[in-house]
Amino acid sequence: MINMLAAIPVRALFARLFSLVFFVLAFTLVSATVVEVVNYIQSGQQLMQALINGVNGSIIALAVYELAMVIRSEYSGSSESHDVITMMRRTLPRFIGTVCVAMSLEGLIMIIKYSQLELAGNLYYPVAIIASTALLLAALGLFLKLAPTEQSDS
């Protein structure tokens, strides 16, 4: 057992451990979302509210799952295979895209919820979330434009 652990580099061991933690967390979030939606429907709540809560939980679970996939794919392999910039150019767009989808959906859901409850004074919060999403996407685009591209060793 000790010889097997010594053969696995510390980086790969921690990558597997963290990705396992995030996979379990994503599965737990999906399970809790399903239970919550079923409870909403059984308690006689509005179907639209149950579906909105289901979408919220599912998007968060997707973002956590995507983080687990990034950690597993990028940090489990050997560190000599690629440099940090190449790794970031591959993984950041995928993860930031998932986060942006989650943030924009949350902002849109808040706008719908506040408009249904006639709380127009609270619309500053969802507008700030959507503006932050746009800023995050612009920052990602700027990073991808300014970061050096992959260099071939020829």
C-alpha atoms as a PDB file:
ATOM      1  CA  MET A   1       0.000   0.000   0.000  1.00  0.00           C
ATOM      2  CA  ILE A   2       2.763   2.439   0.926  1.00  0.00           C
ATOM      3  CA  ASN A   3       4.772   1.543  -2.204  1.00  0.00           C
ATOM      4  CA  MET A   4       1.712   2.192  -4.359  1.00  0.00           C
ATOM      5  CA  LEU A   5       1.185   5.630  -2.774  1.00  0.00           C
ATOM      6  CA  ALA A   6       4.856   6.465  -3.205  1.00  0.00           C
ATOM      7  CA  ALA A   7       4.587   5.703  -6.942  1.00  0.00           C
ATOM      8  CA  ILE A   8       1.799   8.275  -7.425  1.00  0.00           C
ATOM      9  CA  PRO A   9       3.117  11.851  -7.524  1.00  0.00           C
ATOM     10  CA  VAL A  10       1.712  14.171  -4.872  1.00  0.00           C
ATOM     11  CA  ARG A  11       0.234  16.448  -7.527  1.00  0.00           C
ATOM     12  CA  ALA A  12      -1.725  13.600  -9.141  1.00  0.00           C
ATOM     13  CA  LEU A  13      -2.849  12.305  -5.748  1.00  0.00           C
ATOM     14  CA  PHE A  14      -4.239  15.684  -4.717  1.00  0.00           C
ATOM     15  CA  ALA A  15      -5.825  16.166  -8.137  1.00  0.00           C
ATOM     16  CA  ARG A  16      -7.643  12.866  -7.807  1.00  0.00           C
ATOM     17  CA  LEU A  17      -8.689  13.691  -4.258  1.00  0.00           C
ATOM     18  CA  PHE A  18     -10.029  17.153  -5.137  1.00  0.00           C
ATOM     19  CA  SER A  19     -11.767  15.937  -8.270  1.00  0.00           C
ATOM     20  CA  LEU A  20     -13.421  13.163  -6.249  1.00  0.00           C
ATOM     21  CA  VAL A  21     -14.602  15.713  -3.683  1.00  0.00           C
ATOM     22  CA  PHE A  22     -16.092  17.899  -6.427  1.00  0.00           C
ATOM     23  CA  PHE A  23     -17.699  14.923  -8.210  1.00  0.00           C
ATOM     24  CA  VAL A  24     -19.358  13.862  -4.954  1.00  0.00           C
ATOM     25  CA  LEU A  25     -20.464  17.449  -4.328  1.00  0.00           C
ATOM     26  CA  ALA A  26     -21.944  17.711  -7.846  1.00  0.00           C
ATOM     27  CA  PHE A  27     -23.800  14.418  -7.391  1.00  0.00           C
ATOM     28  CA  THR A  28     -25.098  15.609  -4.010  1.00  0.00           C
ATOM     29  CA  LEU A  29     -26.286  18.886  -5.540  1.00  0.00           C
ATOM     30  CA  VAL A  30     -28.133  17.054  -8.323  1.00  0.00           C
ATOM     31  CA  SER A  31     -29.736  14.681  -5.818  1.00  0.00           C
ATOM     32  CA  ALA A  32     -30.765  17.535  -3.522  1.00  0.00           C
ATOM     33  CA  THR A  33     -32.197  19.444  -6.482  1.00  0.00           C
ATOM     34  CA  VAL A  34     -34.314  16.486  -7.567  1.00  0.00           C
ATOM     35  CA  VAL A  35     -35.588  15.975  -4.011  1.00  0.00           C
ATOM     36  CA  GLU A  36     -36.343  19.693  -3.678  1.00  0.00           C
ATOM     37  CA  VAL A  37     -38.298  19.820  -6.945  1.00  0.00           C
ATOM     38  CA  VAL A  38     -40.291  16.723  -5.984  1.00  0.00           C
ATOM     39  CA  ASN A  39     -41.046  18.246  -2.563  1.00  0.00           C
ATOM     40  CA  TYR A  40     -42.167  21.516  -4.179  1.00  0.00           C
ATOM     41  CA  ILE A  41     -44.515  19.687  -6.521  1.00  0.00           C
ATOM     42  CA  GLN A  42     -45.909  17.438  -3.785  1.00  0.00           C
ATOM     43  CA  SER A  43     -46.519  20.345  -1.418  1.00  0.00           C
ATOM     44  CA  GLY A  44     -48.711  22.075  -3.993  1.00  0.00           C
ATOM     45  CA  GLN A  45     -46.310  24.923  -4.782  1.00  0.00           C
ATOM     46  CA  GLN A  46     -46.383  26.487  -8.203  1.00  0.00           C
ATOM     47  CA  LEU A  47     -44.793  24.355 -10.897  1.00  0.00           C
ATOM     48  CA  MET A  48     -42.876  27.341 -12.291  1.00  0.00           C
ATOM     49  CA  GLN A  49     -41.231  28.032  -8.923  1.00  0.00           C
ATOM     50  CA  ALA A  50     -40.248  24.354  -8.628  1.00  0.00           C
ATOM     51  CA  LEU A  51     -38.726  24.387 -12.113  1.00  0.00           C
ATOM     52  CA  ILE A  52     -36.833  27.625 -11.444  1.00  0.00           C
ATOM     53  CA  ASN A  53     -35.344  26.131  -8.288  1.00  0.00           C
ATOM     54  CA  GLY A  54     -34.480  22.995 -10.262  1.00  0.00           C
ATOM     55  CA  VAL A  55     -32.673  25.012 -12.911  1.00  0.00           C
ATOM     56  CA  ASN A  56     -30.756  26.939 -10.227  1.00  0.00           C
ATOM     57  CA  GLY A  57     -29.549  23.782  -8.519  1.00  0.00           C
ATOM     58  CA  SER A  58     -28.744  22.039 -11.790  1.00  0.00           C
ATOM     59  CA  ILE A  59     -26.636  24.927 -13.094  1.00  0.00           C
ATOM     60  CA  ILE A  60     -24.649  25.083  -9.856  1.00  0.00           C
ATOM     61  CA  ALA A  61     -24.146  21.306  -9.998  1.00  0.00           C
ATOM     62  CA  LEU A  62     -22.969  21.624 -13.610  1.00  0.00           C
ATOM     63  CA  ALA A  63     -20.425  24.288 -12.647  1.00  0.00           C
ATOM     64  CA  VAL A  64     -19.089  22.094  -9.824  1.00  0.00           C
ATOM     65  CA  TYR A  65     -18.944  19.079 -12.178  1.00  0.00           C
ATOM     66  CA  GLU A  66     -17.066  21.142 -14.757  1.00  0.00           C
ATOM     67  CA  LEU A  67     -14.576  22.200 -12.081  1.00  0.00           C
ATOM     68  CA  ALA A  68     -14.044  18.544 -11.155  1.00  0.00           C
ATOM     69  CA  MET A  69     -13.453  17.670 -14.823  1.00  0.00           C
ATOM     70  CA  VAL A  70     -10.933  20.492 -15.204  1.00  0.00           C
ATOM     71  CA  ILE A  71      -9.040  19.430 -12.101  1.00  0.00           C
ATOM     72  CA  ARG A  72      -9.038  15.773 -13.134  1.00  0.00           C
ATOM     73  CA  SER A  73      -7.930  16.370 -16.720  1.00  0.00           C
ATOM     74  CA  GLU A  74      -5.374  19.099 -16.144  1.00  0.00           C
ATOM     75  CA  TYR A  75      -3.714  18.220 -12.874  1.00  0.00           C
ATOM     76  CA  SER A  76      -3.680  14.407 -12.919  1.00  0.00           C
ATOM     77  CA  GLY A  77      -1.194  14.155 -15.776  1.00  0.00           C
ATOM     78  CA  SER A  78       2.490  14.898 -15.788  1.00  0.00           C
ATOM     79  CA  SER A  79       3.457  18.524 -15.272  1.00  0.00           C
ATOM     80  CA  GLU A  80       6.080  18.393 -18.043  1.00  0.00           C
ATOM     81  CA  SER A  81       3.550  17.819 -20.819  1.00  0.00           C
ATOM     82  CA  HIS A  82       2.467  21.447 -21.093  1.00  0.00           C
ATOM     83  CA  ASP A  83       3.059  24.819 -19.545  1.00  0.00           C
ATOM     84  CA  VAL A  84       0.690  26.834 -17.365  1.00  0.00           C
ATOM     85  CA  ILE A  85      -0.433  29.237 -20.118  1.00  0.00           C
ATOM     86  CA  THR A  86      -1.382  26.371 -22.437  1.00  0.00           C
ATOM     87  CA  MET A  87      -3.284  24.686 -19.636  1.00  0.00           C
ATOM     88  CA  MET A  88      -5.125  27.931 -18.801  1.00  0.00           C
ATOM     89  CA  ARG A  89      -5.981  28.615 -22.463  1.00  0.00           C
ATOM     90  CA  ARG A  90      -7.633  25.187 -22.645  1.00  0.00           C
ATOM     91  CA  THR A  91      -9.465  25.087 -19.333  1.00  0.00           C
ATOM     92  CA  LEU A  92     -10.443  28.681 -18.536  1.00  0.00           C
ATOM     93  CA  PRO A  93     -12.871  29.199 -21.426  1.00  0.00           C
ATOM     94  CA  ARG A  94     -14.766  26.033 -20.582  1.00  0.00           C
ATOM     95  CA  PHE A  95     -15.007  26.761 -16.853  1.00  0.00           C
ATOM     96  CA  ILE A  96     -15.647  30.513 -17.208  1.00  0.00           C
ATOM     97  CA  GLY A  97     -18.319  29.760 -19.819  1.00  0.00           C
ATOM     98  CA  THR A  98     -20.117  27.477 -17.386  1.00  0.00           C
ATOM     99  CA  VAL A  99     -19.851  30.074 -14.619  1.00  0.00           C
ATOM    100  CA  CYS A 100     -21.155  32.795 -16.942  1.00  0.00           C
ATOM    101  CA  VAL A 101     -24.144  30.671 -17.926  1.00  0.00           C
ATOM    102  CA  ALA A 102     -24.868  30.068 -14.238  1.00  0.00           C
ATOM    103  CA  MET A 103     -24.553  33.760 -13.369  1.00  0.00           C
ATOM    104  CA  SER A 104     -26.680  34.977 -16.262  1.00  0.00           C
ATOM    105  CA  LEU A 105     -29.404  32.428 -15.547  1.00  0.00           C
ATOM    106  CA  GLU A 106     -29.392  33.444 -11.885  1.00  0.00           C
ATOM    107  CA  GLY A 107     -29.714  37.105 -12.873  1.00  0.00           C
ATOM    108  CA  LEU A 108     -32.549  36.391 -15.294  1.00  0.00           C
ATOM    109  CA  ILE A 109     -34.361  34.247 -12.735  1.00  0.00           C
ATOM    110  CA  MET A 110     -34.033  37.043 -10.173  1.00  0.00           C
ATOM    111  CA  ILE A 111     -35.443  39.545 -12.678  1.00  0.00           C
ATOM    112  CA  ILE A 112     -38.445  37.286 -13.327  1.00  0.00           C
ATOM    113  CA  LYS A 113     -38.958  36.661  -9.622  1.00  0.00           C
ATOM    114  CA  TYR A 114     -38.752  40.360  -8.676  1.00  0.00           C
ATOM    115  CA  SER A 115     -41.067  41.380 -11.495  1.00  0.00           C
ATOM    116  CA  GLN A 116     -43.647  38.790 -10.408  1.00  0.00           C
ATOM    117  CA  LEU A 117     -43.445  39.993  -6.813  1.00  0.00           C
ATOM    118  CA  GLU A 118     -43.557  43.645  -7.954  1.00  0.00           C
ATOM    119  CA  LEU A 119     -40.243  44.445  -6.274  1.00  0.00           C
ATOM    120  CA  ALA A 120     -38.836  46.669  -9.003  1.00  0.00           C
ATOM    121  CA  GLY A 121     -36.619  48.474  -6.494  1.00  0.00           C
ATOM    122  CA  ASN A 122     -34.547  45.323  -6.051  1.00  0.00           C
ATOM    123  CA  LEU A 123     -33.685  45.005  -9.750  1.00  0.00           C
ATOM    124  CA  TYR A 124     -30.258  46.507  -9.086  1.00  0.00           C
ATOM    125  CA  TYR A 125     -28.995  43.136  -7.841  1.00  0.00           C
ATOM    126  CA  PRO A 126     -29.807  41.038 -10.914  1.00  0.00           C
ATOM    127  CA  VAL A 127     -28.622  43.819 -13.203  1.00  0.00           C
ATOM    128  CA  ALA A 128     -25.325  43.852 -11.287  1.00  0.00           C
ATOM    129  CA  ILE A 129     -25.049  40.072 -11.700  1.00  0.00           C
ATOM    130  CA  ILE A 130     -25.634  40.303 -15.455  1.00  0.00           C
ATOM    131  CA  ALA A 131     -23.164  43.200 -15.760  1.00  0.00           C
ATOM    132  CA  SER A 132     -20.597  41.158 -13.815  1.00  0.00           C
ATOM    133  CA  THR A 133     -21.158  38.281 -16.217  1.00  0.00           C
ATOM    134  CA  ALA A 134     -20.508  40.552 -19.179  1.00  0.00           C
ATOM    135  CA  LEU A 135     -17.355  41.885 -17.507  1.00  0.00           C
ATOM    136  CA  LEU A 136     -16.161  38.338 -16.814  1.00  0.00           C
ATOM    137  CA  LEU A 137     -16.688  37.348 -20.450  1.00  0.00           C
ATOM    138  CA  ALA A 138     -14.868  40.470 -21.639  1.00  0.00           C
ATOM    139  CA  ALA A 139     -11.966  39.697 -19.281  1.00  0.00           C
ATOM    140  CA  LEU A 140     -11.821  36.135 -20.619  1.00  0.00           C
ATOM    141  CA  GLY A 141     -11.752  37.439 -24.183  1.00  0.00           C
ATOM    142  CA  LEU A 142      -8.966  39.876 -23.285  1.00  0.00           C
ATOM    143  CA  PHE A 143      -6.978  37.090 -21.627  1.00  0.00           C
ATOM    144  CA  LEU A 144      -7.360  34.833 -24.668  1.00  0.00           C
ATOM    145  CA  LYS A 145      -6.327  37.682 -26.973  1.00  0.00           C
ATOM    146  CA  LEU A 146      -3.246  38.660 -24.947  1.00  0.00           C
ATOM    147  CA  ALA A 147      -2.055  35.247 -23.759  1.00  0.00           C
ATOM    148  CA  PRO A 148       0.558  33.636 -25.965  1.00  0.00           C
ATOM    149  CA  THR A 149      -0.663  30.822 -28.176  1.00  0.00           C
ATOM    150  CA  GLU A 150       0.733  27.283 -28.061  1.00  0.00           C
ATOM    151  CA  GLN A 151       4.260  27.072 -29.452  1.00  0.00           C
ATOM    152  CA  SER A 152       5.345  24.088 -31.495  1.00  0.00           C
ATOM    153  CA  ASP A 153       8.774  22.616 -30.755  1.00  0.00           C
ATOM    154  CA  SER A 154       9.997  22.330 -34.349  1.00  0.00           C
END
